[in-house]
Amino acid sequence: MRLFPLKIISLLLLYSISPATSASPLQEGFEAYSAGRYEQALKLWLPLARSNEVSQDNADAMYNIGLLYMKGKGVKQDYKLAKKWFKRAAFYGSADAAYNLGVMYMSQKFGYPSKKDALYWWTEAAKQGHTDSQYNLGVLLAFGRGSKADPKAALSWWYKAAVKGHKQAAQALAEAYQKGLFGLKKDKKLADYWQKRAK
């Protein structure tokens, strides 16, 4: 694997609806979704999503509705509405929603690519410990995409993701130590260490 350019992880969390742990409208919606009853899931999630109460259930309901619009499940596919729901969920603290916004901005789902917007949303998710966002943020910062290059910050984000088991981040660190990239000195021991973590 070559480091230049690192590949942005662009797997949307489209297949990862947020379930609740106990019987609740969120859980009932998840069960309806799992059974292919998408309209019923939407009806169960909407009251939670429209509530002004700040809770994890509300954020998860907003996120799940965003996924319905993103995938066109039970509703007409609509990226603008997906964006609206993801933004609301991200505002309520959903790192997954912030991550998906970053991916959507990078993949032109809104009609234009915006590395600057992707950088913003991945930063929001990365601060909450979202490892794919930490890795992707590192890629943007390493190569100056969406902002001025900041190799030190890139290495920091890759390290945060790698210690949590993110294989691409560990690979990026291995290659950086192996080749002496981003201001690092070549270090075979550290390169080997991160290479093992990448497997």
N, C-alpha and C. Protein backbone atom coordinates (compact mmCIF):
# COMPACT_ATOMS: atom_id res chain seq x y z
N MET A 1 0.85 -1.19 0.00
CA MET A 1 0.00 0.00 0.00
C MET A 1 0.88 1.24 0.00
N ARG A 2 0.67 2.15 -0.94
CA ARG A 2 1.42 3.39 -0.99
C ARG A 2 0.69 4.46 -0.20
N LEU A 3 1.45 5.35 0.38
CA LEU A 3 0.85 6.39 1.19
C LEU A 3 0.34 7.55 0.35
N PHE A 4 0.91 7.77 -0.82
CA PHE A 4 0.52 8.92 -1.64
C PHE A 4 -0.43 8.51 -2.74
N PRO A 5 -1.63 9.02 -2.85
CA PRO A 5 -2.33 9.66 -1.76
C PRO A 5 -3.05 8.60 -0.94
N LEU A 6 -3.23 8.86 0.31
CA LEU A 6 -3.99 7.93 1.14
C LEU A 6 -5.44 7.96 0.69
N LYS A 7 -6.06 6.85 0.80
CA LYS A 7 -7.45 6.76 0.38
C LYS A 7 -8.36 7.17 1.53
N ILE A 8 -9.26 8.07 1.23
CA ILE A 8 -10.28 8.46 2.20
C ILE A 8 -11.24 7.29 2.35
N ILE A 9 -11.58 6.97 3.55
CA ILE A 9 -12.58 5.93 3.78
C ILE A 9 -13.93 6.55 3.47
N SER A 10 -14.61 5.99 2.50
CA SER A 10 -15.87 6.60 2.09
C SER A 10 -17.05 5.65 2.25
N LEU A 11 -16.94 4.76 3.17
CA LEU A 11 -18.06 3.87 3.44
C LEU A 11 -19.06 4.61 4.29
N LEU A 12 -20.19 4.92 3.71
CA LEU A 12 -21.24 5.55 4.50
C LEU A 12 -21.77 4.54 5.50
N LEU A 13 -22.19 5.02 6.60
CA LEU A 13 -22.77 4.13 7.60
C LEU A 13 -24.23 3.87 7.25
N LEU A 14 -24.47 3.61 5.98
CA LEU A 14 -25.83 3.47 5.49
C LEU A 14 -26.50 2.20 5.97
N TYR A 15 -25.72 1.24 6.37
CA TYR A 15 -26.29 -0.03 6.78
C TYR A 15 -26.30 -0.17 8.29
N SER A 16 -26.09 0.92 8.96
CA SER A 16 -25.93 0.89 10.40
C SER A 16 -26.95 1.79 11.07
N ILE A 17 -28.19 1.37 11.07
CA ILE A 17 -29.24 2.10 11.77
C ILE A 17 -28.96 2.00 13.26
N SER A 18 -29.17 3.10 13.98
CA SER A 18 -28.90 3.11 15.42
C SER A 18 -30.09 2.52 16.17
N PRO A 19 -29.90 1.37 16.81
CA PRO A 19 -30.97 0.78 17.60
C PRO A 19 -30.93 1.29 19.04
N ALA A 20 -32.02 1.12 19.73
CA ALA A 20 -32.06 1.43 21.16
C ALA A 20 -31.88 0.12 21.91
N THR A 21 -31.65 0.22 23.20
CA THR A 21 -31.40 -0.98 23.98
C THR A 21 -32.66 -1.55 24.63
N SER A 22 -33.72 -0.76 24.78
CA SER A 22 -34.94 -1.27 25.40
C SER A 22 -36.13 -0.92 24.52
N ALA A 23 -37.29 -1.50 24.84
CA ALA A 23 -38.49 -1.24 24.06
C ALA A 23 -38.84 0.24 24.16
N SER A 24 -38.75 0.91 23.06
CA SER A 24 -39.02 2.34 22.98
C SER A 24 -39.42 2.62 21.54
N PRO A 25 -39.92 3.82 21.25
CA PRO A 25 -40.22 4.13 19.85
C PRO A 25 -38.99 3.96 18.95
N LEU A 26 -37.81 4.27 19.48
CA LEU A 26 -36.60 4.09 18.69
C LEU A 26 -36.38 2.61 18.37
N GLN A 27 -36.51 1.76 19.39
CA GLN A 27 -36.34 0.32 19.20
C GLN A 27 -37.43 -0.25 18.30
N GLU A 28 -38.67 0.17 18.52
CA GLU A 28 -39.77 -0.31 17.68
C GLU A 28 -39.53 0.09 16.23
N GLY A 29 -39.01 1.29 16.02
CA GLY A 29 -38.68 1.74 14.66
C GLY A 29 -37.57 0.89 14.06
N PHE A 30 -36.60 0.56 14.88
CA PHE A 30 -35.50 -0.30 14.41
C PHE A 30 -36.04 -1.67 14.00
N GLU A 31 -36.94 -2.21 14.80
CA GLU A 31 -37.52 -3.52 14.48
C GLU A 31 -38.33 -3.45 13.19
N ALA A 32 -39.10 -2.36 13.02
CA ALA A 32 -39.86 -2.18 11.78
C ALA A 32 -38.90 -2.06 10.59
N TYR A 33 -37.84 -1.30 10.77
CA TYR A 33 -36.85 -1.14 9.70
C TYR A 33 -36.25 -2.50 9.33
N SER A 34 -35.88 -3.27 10.34
CA SER A 34 -35.26 -4.59 10.11
C SER A 34 -36.20 -5.52 9.36
N ALA A 35 -37.52 -5.33 9.57
CA ALA A 35 -38.52 -6.16 8.90
C ALA A 35 -38.92 -5.60 7.53
N GLY A 36 -38.30 -4.50 7.13
CA GLY A 36 -38.61 -3.91 5.82
C GLY A 36 -39.82 -3.01 5.83
N ARG A 37 -40.34 -2.67 7.01
CA ARG A 37 -41.49 -1.77 7.12
C ARG A 37 -40.97 -0.34 7.35
N TYR A 38 -40.42 0.24 6.30
CA TYR A 38 -39.71 1.52 6.41
C TYR A 38 -40.65 2.68 6.74
N GLU A 39 -41.88 2.68 6.16
CA GLU A 39 -42.81 3.76 6.46
C GLU A 39 -43.18 3.75 7.95
N GLN A 40 -43.38 2.56 8.51
CA GLN A 40 -43.70 2.45 9.93
C GLN A 40 -42.52 2.93 10.79
N ALA A 41 -41.31 2.57 10.38
CA ALA A 41 -40.12 3.04 11.12
C ALA A 41 -40.08 4.56 11.12
N LEU A 42 -40.34 5.16 9.97
CA LEU A 42 -40.34 6.62 9.88
C LEU A 42 -41.38 7.23 10.81
N LYS A 43 -42.59 6.65 10.83
CA LYS A 43 -43.65 7.17 11.71
C LYS A 43 -43.26 7.08 13.18
N LEU A 44 -42.56 6.04 13.55
CA LEU A 44 -42.14 5.87 14.94
C LEU A 44 -41.00 6.82 15.31
N TRP A 45 -40.10 7.09 14.35
CA TRP A 45 -38.94 7.94 14.64
C TRP A 45 -39.24 9.43 14.56
N LEU A 46 -40.22 9.82 13.73
CA LEU A 46 -40.48 11.25 13.54
C LEU A 46 -40.81 12.01 14.83
N PRO A 47 -41.70 11.49 15.70
CA PRO A 47 -41.98 12.25 16.93
C PRO A 47 -40.72 12.48 17.79
N LEU A 48 -39.87 11.46 17.86
CA LEU A 48 -38.62 11.62 18.60
C LEU A 48 -37.73 12.67 17.93
N ALA A 49 -37.63 12.57 16.63
CA ALA A 49 -36.75 13.46 15.88
C ALA A 49 -37.23 14.91 15.93
N ARG A 50 -38.53 15.10 16.04
CA ARG A 50 -39.09 16.47 16.06
C ARG A 50 -39.14 17.06 17.46
N SER A 51 -38.87 16.24 18.45
CA SER A 51 -38.88 16.71 19.84
C SER A 51 -37.74 17.69 20.08
N ASN A 52 -37.98 18.64 20.96
CA ASN A 52 -36.93 19.60 21.33
C ASN A 52 -36.04 19.07 22.45
N GLU A 53 -36.38 17.90 22.96
CA GLU A 53 -35.58 17.29 24.02
C GLU A 53 -34.24 16.83 23.45
N VAL A 54 -33.17 17.13 24.17
CA VAL A 54 -31.84 16.69 23.74
C VAL A 54 -31.54 15.36 24.41
N SER A 55 -31.52 14.31 23.60
CA SER A 55 -31.21 12.98 24.13
C SER A 55 -30.57 12.14 23.04
N GLN A 56 -29.95 11.05 23.44
CA GLN A 56 -29.34 10.15 22.47
C GLN A 56 -30.40 9.53 21.57
N ASP A 57 -31.58 9.19 22.14
CA ASP A 57 -32.66 8.63 21.33
C ASP A 57 -33.07 9.61 20.23
N ASN A 58 -33.18 10.89 20.58
CA ASN A 58 -33.57 11.88 19.58
C ASN A 58 -32.53 11.97 18.48
N ALA A 59 -31.26 12.02 18.86
CA ALA A 59 -30.18 12.09 17.87
C ALA A 59 -30.18 10.84 16.98
N ASP A 60 -30.40 9.67 17.58
CA ASP A 60 -30.43 8.42 16.80
C ASP A 60 -31.61 8.41 15.84
N ALA A 61 -32.78 8.91 16.30
CA ALA A 61 -33.95 8.97 15.42
C ALA A 61 -33.69 9.88 14.23
N MET A 62 -33.08 11.04 14.48
CA MET A 62 -32.75 11.97 13.39
C MET A 62 -31.77 11.31 12.41
N TYR A 63 -30.77 10.68 12.96
CA TYR A 63 -29.77 9.99 12.13
C TYR A 63 -30.43 8.91 11.27
N ASN A 64 -31.29 8.10 11.89
CA ASN A 64 -31.96 7.02 11.17
C ASN A 64 -32.84 7.56 10.05
N ILE A 65 -33.54 8.67 10.31
CA ILE A 65 -34.37 9.28 9.27
C ILE A 65 -33.49 9.77 8.12
N GLY A 66 -32.34 10.34 8.46
CA GLY A 66 -31.40 10.75 7.43
C GLY A 66 -30.99 9.58 6.55
N LEU A 67 -30.77 8.42 7.16
CA LEU A 67 -30.41 7.23 6.39
C LEU A 67 -31.55 6.78 5.48
N LEU A 68 -32.80 6.88 5.98
CA LEU A 68 -33.94 6.52 5.13
C LEU A 68 -33.96 7.37 3.86
N TYR A 69 -33.76 8.68 4.03
CA TYR A 69 -33.75 9.56 2.86
C TYR A 69 -32.52 9.32 1.99
N MET A 70 -31.41 9.02 2.59
CA MET A 70 -30.20 8.76 1.83
C MET A 70 -30.36 7.52 0.95
N LYS A 71 -30.99 6.47 1.51
CA LYS A 71 -31.12 5.22 0.78
C LYS A 71 -32.43 5.10 0.01
N GLY A 72 -33.38 6.03 0.27
CA GLY A 72 -34.67 5.93 -0.39
C GLY A 72 -35.48 4.75 0.10
N LYS A 73 -35.44 4.51 1.40
CA LYS A 73 -36.19 3.41 2.01
C LYS A 73 -37.46 3.95 2.65
N GLY A 74 -38.62 3.64 2.06
CA GLY A 74 -39.90 4.10 2.58
C GLY A 74 -40.21 5.54 2.22
N VAL A 75 -39.27 6.21 1.61
CA VAL A 75 -39.42 7.60 1.17
C VAL A 75 -38.67 7.73 -0.16
N LYS A 76 -38.96 8.80 -0.87
CA LYS A 76 -38.21 9.07 -2.09
C LYS A 76 -36.80 9.49 -1.71
N GLN A 77 -35.80 8.93 -2.39
CA GLN A 77 -34.42 9.29 -2.09
C GLN A 77 -34.24 10.79 -2.27
N ASP A 78 -33.69 11.42 -1.23
CA ASP A 78 -33.55 12.88 -1.25
C ASP A 78 -32.33 13.26 -0.42
N TYR A 79 -31.23 13.61 -1.10
CA TYR A 79 -29.99 13.93 -0.40
C TYR A 79 -30.11 15.22 0.41
N LYS A 80 -30.94 16.15 -0.05
CA LYS A 80 -31.10 17.40 0.71
C LYS A 80 -31.78 17.13 2.05
N LEU A 81 -32.80 16.26 2.04
CA LEU A 81 -33.45 15.92 3.31
C LEU A 81 -32.54 15.05 4.17
N ALA A 82 -31.76 14.18 3.55
CA ALA A 82 -30.79 13.39 4.31
C ALA A 82 -29.82 14.34 5.01
N LYS A 83 -29.34 15.33 4.27
CA LYS A 83 -28.41 16.31 4.83
C LYS A 83 -29.05 17.06 6.00
N LYS A 84 -30.30 17.46 5.83
CA LYS A 84 -31.01 18.18 6.90
C LYS A 84 -31.07 17.35 8.17
N TRP A 85 -31.45 16.07 8.03
CA TRP A 85 -31.57 15.22 9.21
C TRP A 85 -30.21 14.88 9.81
N PHE A 86 -29.22 14.65 8.97
CA PHE A 86 -27.88 14.39 9.48
C PHE A 86 -27.34 15.60 10.24
N LYS A 87 -27.59 16.81 9.72
CA LYS A 87 -27.12 18.01 10.41
C LYS A 87 -27.79 18.16 11.77
N ARG A 88 -29.09 17.90 11.81
CA ARG A 88 -29.78 17.99 13.10
C ARG A 88 -29.23 16.95 14.07
N ALA A 89 -29.02 15.72 13.59
CA ALA A 89 -28.48 14.67 14.45
C ALA A 89 -27.08 15.02 14.92
N ALA A 90 -26.27 15.58 14.03
CA ALA A 90 -24.91 15.98 14.41
C ALA A 90 -24.95 17.08 15.46
N PHE A 91 -25.87 18.01 15.32
CA PHE A 91 -26.03 19.07 16.31
C PHE A 91 -26.41 18.49 17.68
N TYR A 92 -27.17 17.40 17.66
CA TYR A 92 -27.57 16.73 18.90
C TYR A 92 -26.51 15.75 19.41
N GLY A 93 -25.38 15.67 18.69
CA GLY A 93 -24.26 14.88 19.20
C GLY A 93 -23.97 13.58 18.49
N SER A 94 -24.58 13.33 17.32
CA SER A 94 -24.33 12.08 16.62
C SER A 94 -23.05 12.17 15.79
N ALA A 95 -22.03 11.44 16.21
CA ALA A 95 -20.77 11.39 15.47
C ALA A 95 -20.96 10.68 14.13
N ASP A 96 -21.83 9.67 14.09
CA ASP A 96 -22.10 8.96 12.83
C ASP A 96 -22.71 9.90 11.80
N ALA A 97 -23.61 10.77 12.23
CA ALA A 97 -24.23 11.73 11.31
C ALA A 97 -23.18 12.71 10.79
N ALA A 98 -22.32 13.20 11.66
CA ALA A 98 -21.26 14.12 11.23
C ALA A 98 -20.33 13.42 10.25
N TYR A 99 -20.00 12.17 10.51
CA TYR A 99 -19.15 11.40 9.60
C TYR A 99 -19.81 11.29 8.22
N ASN A 100 -21.10 10.92 8.20
CA ASN A 100 -21.80 10.77 6.92
C ASN A 100 -21.85 12.09 6.16
N LEU A 101 -22.02 13.20 6.86
CA LEU A 101 -22.00 14.50 6.19
C LEU A 101 -20.66 14.72 5.50
N GLY A 102 -19.57 14.38 6.18
CA GLY A 102 -18.25 14.51 5.58
C GLY A 102 -18.12 13.67 4.33
N VAL A 103 -18.60 12.42 4.39
CA VAL A 103 -18.53 11.54 3.23
C VAL A 103 -19.38 12.09 2.09
N MET A 104 -20.57 12.59 2.42
CA MET A 104 -21.45 13.12 1.38
C MET A 104 -20.81 14.33 0.70
N TYR A 105 -20.16 15.18 1.47
CA TYR A 105 -19.51 16.34 0.86
C TYR A 105 -18.34 15.91 -0.02
N MET A 106 -17.61 14.90 0.36
CA MET A 106 -16.48 14.44 -0.44
C MET A 106 -16.94 13.71 -1.71
N SER A 107 -18.10 13.06 -1.65
CA SER A 107 -18.55 12.24 -2.77
C SER A 107 -19.55 12.94 -3.68
N GLN A 108 -19.69 14.23 -3.54
CA GLN A 108 -20.54 15.05 -4.41
C GLN A 108 -22.02 14.70 -4.32
N LYS A 109 -22.47 14.16 -3.20
CA LYS A 109 -23.88 13.84 -3.06
C LYS A 109 -24.76 15.09 -3.06
N PHE A 110 -24.16 16.25 -2.79
CA PHE A 110 -24.91 17.50 -2.80
C PHE A 110 -24.70 18.27 -4.10
N GLY A 111 -24.13 17.60 -5.10
CA GLY A 111 -23.94 18.22 -6.40
C GLY A 111 -22.57 18.84 -6.61
N TYR A 112 -21.80 18.94 -5.57
CA TYR A 112 -20.45 19.52 -5.69
C TYR A 112 -19.59 18.95 -4.57
N PRO A 113 -18.31 18.76 -4.83
CA PRO A 113 -17.44 18.29 -3.74
C PRO A 113 -17.00 19.48 -2.89
N SER A 114 -16.86 19.27 -1.62
CA SER A 114 -16.38 20.32 -0.73
C SER A 114 -15.49 19.71 0.34
N LYS A 115 -14.19 19.76 0.09
CA LYS A 115 -13.24 19.23 1.07
C LYS A 115 -13.29 20.05 2.35
N LYS A 116 -13.56 21.34 2.23
CA LYS A 116 -13.64 22.21 3.40
C LYS A 116 -14.79 21.77 4.31
N ASP A 117 -15.95 21.49 3.72
CA ASP A 117 -17.09 21.03 4.52
C ASP A 117 -16.84 19.64 5.09
N ALA A 118 -16.23 18.77 4.28
CA ALA A 118 -15.89 17.43 4.78
C ALA A 118 -14.95 17.54 5.97
N LEU A 119 -13.96 18.42 5.85
CA LEU A 119 -13.01 18.65 6.94
C LEU A 119 -13.74 19.08 8.22
N TYR A 120 -14.69 19.99 8.06
CA TYR A 120 -15.45 20.48 9.22
C TYR A 120 -16.19 19.33 9.91
N TRP A 121 -16.95 18.56 9.12
CA TRP A 121 -17.78 17.52 9.73
C TRP A 121 -16.95 16.37 10.28
N TRP A 122 -15.87 16.01 9.59
CA TRP A 122 -15.01 14.95 10.14
C TRP A 122 -14.31 15.41 11.40
N THR A 123 -14.01 16.71 11.48
CA THR A 123 -13.42 17.23 12.72
C THR A 123 -14.41 17.07 13.87
N GLU A 124 -15.67 17.42 13.61
CA GLU A 124 -16.71 17.28 14.65
C GLU A 124 -16.83 15.84 15.12
N ALA A 125 -16.85 14.90 14.18
CA ALA A 125 -16.98 13.49 14.54
C ALA A 125 -15.70 12.97 15.20
N ALA A 126 -14.55 13.41 14.69
CA ALA A 126 -13.26 12.95 15.24
C ALA A 126 -13.10 13.36 16.70
N LYS A 127 -13.57 14.55 17.04
CA LYS A 127 -13.49 15.02 18.43
C LYS A 127 -14.28 14.11 19.37
N GLN A 128 -15.28 13.41 18.83
CA GLN A 128 -16.09 12.49 19.63
C GLN A 128 -15.53 11.07 19.60
N GLY A 129 -14.38 10.88 18.95
CA GLY A 129 -13.74 9.57 18.95
C GLY A 129 -14.11 8.69 17.78
N HIS A 130 -14.75 9.22 16.76
CA HIS A 130 -15.14 8.44 15.58
C HIS A 130 -13.89 8.13 14.76
N THR A 131 -13.46 6.87 14.76
CA THR A 131 -12.15 6.52 14.21
C THR A 131 -12.04 6.71 12.69
N ASP A 132 -13.09 6.39 11.93
CA ASP A 132 -13.02 6.63 10.49
C ASP A 132 -12.85 8.12 10.21
N SER A 133 -13.52 8.94 10.99
CA SER A 133 -13.38 10.39 10.83
C SER A 133 -11.98 10.85 11.20
N GLN A 134 -11.43 10.27 12.25
CA GLN A 134 -10.07 10.63 12.66
C GLN A 134 -9.08 10.30 11.55
N TYR A 135 -9.23 9.13 10.96
CA TYR A 135 -8.35 8.73 9.87
C TYR A 135 -8.51 9.67 8.66
N ASN A 136 -9.77 9.88 8.24
CA ASN A 136 -10.02 10.73 7.07
C ASN A 136 -9.54 12.16 7.31
N LEU A 137 -9.75 12.66 8.50
CA LEU A 137 -9.28 14.00 8.85
C LEU A 137 -7.76 14.06 8.73
N GLY A 138 -7.10 13.01 9.18
CA GLY A 138 -5.65 12.94 9.05
C GLY A 138 -5.20 13.01 7.60
N VAL A 139 -5.92 12.33 6.71
CA VAL A 139 -5.58 12.36 5.29
C VAL A 139 -5.70 13.78 4.74
N LEU A 140 -6.82 14.44 5.04
CA LEU A 140 -7.02 15.80 4.55
C LEU A 140 -5.93 16.74 5.07
N LEU A 141 -5.61 16.62 6.34
CA LEU A 141 -4.60 17.50 6.94
C LEU A 141 -3.20 17.19 6.45
N ALA A 142 -2.90 15.94 6.22
CA ALA A 142 -1.56 15.55 5.76
C ALA A 142 -1.25 16.14 4.40
N PHE A 143 -2.26 16.20 3.54
CA PHE A 143 -2.04 16.63 2.17
C PHE A 143 -2.62 18.01 1.86
N GLY A 144 -3.09 18.71 2.89
CA GLY A 144 -3.61 20.05 2.68
C GLY A 144 -4.85 20.09 1.82
N ARG A 145 -5.80 19.21 2.09
CA ARG A 145 -7.06 19.18 1.35
C ARG A 145 -8.14 19.82 2.23
N GLY A 146 -8.67 20.93 1.79
CA GLY A 146 -9.71 21.61 2.56
C GLY A 146 -9.16 22.59 3.56
N SER A 147 -7.85 22.59 3.75
CA SER A 147 -7.18 23.53 4.65
C SER A 147 -5.68 23.48 4.36
N LYS A 148 -4.95 24.31 5.04
CA LYS A 148 -3.50 24.27 4.92
C LYS A 148 -3.00 22.94 5.48
N ALA A 149 -1.98 22.38 4.86
CA ALA A 149 -1.42 21.11 5.34
C ALA A 149 -0.92 21.27 6.77
N ASP A 150 -1.22 20.27 7.58
CA ASP A 150 -0.79 20.26 8.98
C ASP A 150 -0.38 18.83 9.34
N PRO A 151 0.85 18.42 8.92
CA PRO A 151 1.28 17.04 9.14
C PRO A 151 1.27 16.61 10.60
N LYS A 152 1.62 17.53 11.50
CA LYS A 152 1.64 17.18 12.92
C LYS A 152 0.24 16.79 13.41
N ALA A 153 -0.77 17.58 13.01
CA ALA A 153 -2.15 17.26 13.39
C ALA A 153 -2.60 15.97 12.72
N ALA A 154 -2.20 15.76 11.47
CA ALA A 154 -2.56 14.53 10.75
C ALA A 154 -2.05 13.31 11.51
N LEU A 155 -0.77 13.36 11.91
CA LEU A 155 -0.19 12.23 12.66
C LEU A 155 -0.92 12.01 13.97
N SER A 156 -1.31 13.09 14.62
CA SER A 156 -2.03 12.99 15.89
C SER A 156 -3.37 12.28 15.70
N TRP A 157 -4.10 12.65 14.65
CA TRP A 157 -5.40 12.01 14.41
C TRP A 157 -5.22 10.54 14.03
N TRP A 158 -4.20 10.25 13.20
CA TRP A 158 -3.96 8.85 12.85
C TRP A 158 -3.61 8.04 14.09
N TYR A 159 -2.82 8.62 14.97
CA TYR A 159 -2.43 7.92 16.20
C TYR A 159 -3.68 7.62 17.04
N LYS A 160 -4.56 8.62 17.19
CA LYS A 160 -5.78 8.41 17.99
C LYS A 160 -6.63 7.27 17.42
N ALA A 161 -6.73 7.22 16.09
CA ALA A 161 -7.52 6.16 15.46
C ALA A 161 -6.80 4.82 15.55
N ALA A 162 -5.50 4.83 15.33
CA ALA A 162 -4.72 3.58 15.31
C ALA A 162 -4.72 2.88 16.66
N VAL A 163 -4.62 3.63 17.74
CA VAL A 163 -4.60 2.99 19.07
C VAL A 163 -5.95 2.36 19.41
N LYS A 164 -7.01 2.77 18.68
CA LYS A 164 -8.33 2.15 18.88
C LYS A 164 -8.56 1.02 17.89
N GLY A 165 -7.50 0.66 17.12
CA GLY A 165 -7.61 -0.49 16.23
C GLY A 165 -7.91 -0.18 14.78
N HIS A 166 -7.86 1.09 14.39
CA HIS A 166 -8.15 1.45 13.00
C HIS A 166 -6.95 1.06 12.12
N LYS A 167 -7.15 0.09 11.25
CA LYS A 167 -6.06 -0.49 10.48
C LYS A 167 -5.44 0.48 9.46
N GLN A 168 -6.26 1.28 8.77
CA GLN A 168 -5.70 2.22 7.79
C GLN A 168 -4.86 3.29 8.47
N ALA A 169 -5.27 3.71 9.65
CA ALA A 169 -4.49 4.71 10.40
C ALA A 169 -3.16 4.11 10.83
N ALA A 170 -3.19 2.86 11.28
CA ALA A 170 -1.94 2.19 11.66
C ALA A 170 -1.02 2.05 10.45
N GLN A 171 -1.60 1.74 9.30
CA GLN A 171 -0.81 1.62 8.07
C GLN A 171 -0.19 2.96 7.69
N ALA A 172 -0.95 4.02 7.84
CA ALA A 172 -0.42 5.36 7.53
C ALA A 172 0.76 5.69 8.44
N LEU A 173 0.65 5.37 9.72
CA LEU A 173 1.75 5.61 10.65
C LEU A 173 2.96 4.73 10.31
N ALA A 174 2.70 3.47 9.96
CA ALA A 174 3.80 2.57 9.60
C ALA A 174 4.59 3.13 8.43
N GLU A 175 3.89 3.58 7.42
CA GLU A 175 4.58 4.11 6.24
C GLU A 175 5.26 5.43 6.53
N ALA A 176 4.65 6.24 7.37
CA ALA A 176 5.28 7.52 7.73
C ALA A 176 6.60 7.28 8.46
N TYR A 177 6.64 6.29 9.37
CA TYR A 177 7.89 5.97 10.07
C TYR A 177 8.88 5.25 9.15
N GLN A 178 8.37 4.42 8.28
CA GLN A 178 9.24 3.67 7.38
C GLN A 178 9.97 4.62 6.41
N LYS A 179 9.24 5.62 5.91
CA LYS A 179 9.80 6.51 4.89
C LYS A 179 10.25 7.87 5.42
N GLY A 180 10.01 8.12 6.70
CA GLY A 180 10.37 9.41 7.26
C GLY A 180 9.53 10.55 6.71
N LEU A 181 8.22 10.33 6.68
CA LEU A 181 7.29 11.32 6.12
C LEU A 181 6.70 12.21 7.20
N PHE A 182 6.17 13.34 6.79
CA PHE A 182 5.41 14.26 7.64
C PHE A 182 6.21 14.72 8.86
N GLY A 183 7.50 14.91 8.65
CA GLY A 183 8.35 15.42 9.71
C GLY A 183 8.87 14.37 10.67
N LEU A 184 8.54 13.11 10.46
CA LEU A 184 9.03 12.04 11.32
C LEU A 184 10.39 11.55 10.83
N LYS A 185 11.21 11.11 11.76
CA LYS A 185 12.47 10.46 11.40
C LYS A 185 12.16 8.99 11.10
N LYS A 186 12.92 8.42 10.19
CA LYS A 186 12.74 6.99 9.91
C LYS A 186 12.99 6.21 11.18
N ASP A 187 12.12 5.25 11.45
CA ASP A 187 12.23 4.45 12.66
C ASP A 187 11.68 3.07 12.36
N LYS A 188 12.59 2.13 12.13
CA LYS A 188 12.16 0.78 11.74
C LYS A 188 11.33 0.10 12.81
N LYS A 189 11.69 0.28 14.09
CA LYS A 189 10.93 -0.36 15.16
C LYS A 189 9.48 0.13 15.18
N LEU A 190 9.32 1.44 15.11
CA LEU A 190 7.96 1.98 15.11
C LEU A 190 7.22 1.63 13.82
N ALA A 191 7.92 1.62 12.71
CA ALA A 191 7.29 1.22 11.44
C ALA A 191 6.79 -0.22 11.54
N ASP A 192 7.62 -1.11 12.08
CA ASP A 192 7.22 -2.51 12.24
C ASP A 192 6.06 -2.65 13.22
N TYR A 193 6.12 -1.88 14.32
CA TYR A 193 5.05 -1.94 15.32
C TYR A 193 3.70 -1.58 14.69
N TRP A 194 3.67 -0.45 13.98
CA TRP A 194 2.40 -0.01 13.39
C TRP A 194 1.98 -0.92 12.24
N GLN A 195 2.95 -1.49 11.54
CA GLN A 195 2.62 -2.42 10.46
C GLN A 195 1.91 -3.64 11.04
N LYS A 196 2.37 -4.14 12.18
CA LYS A 196 1.69 -5.27 12.84
C LYS A 196 0.28 -4.88 13.27
N ARG A 197 0.12 -3.64 13.76
CA ARG A 197 -1.22 -3.18 14.17
C ARG A 197 -2.15 -3.03 12.98
N ALA A 198 -1.58 -2.85 11.80
CA ALA A 198 -2.39 -2.66 10.59
C ALA A 198 -2.95 -3.96 10.04
N LYS A 199 -2.46 -5.08 10.54
CA LYS A 199 -2.92 -6.40 10.02
C LYS A 199 -4.11 -6.91 10.77
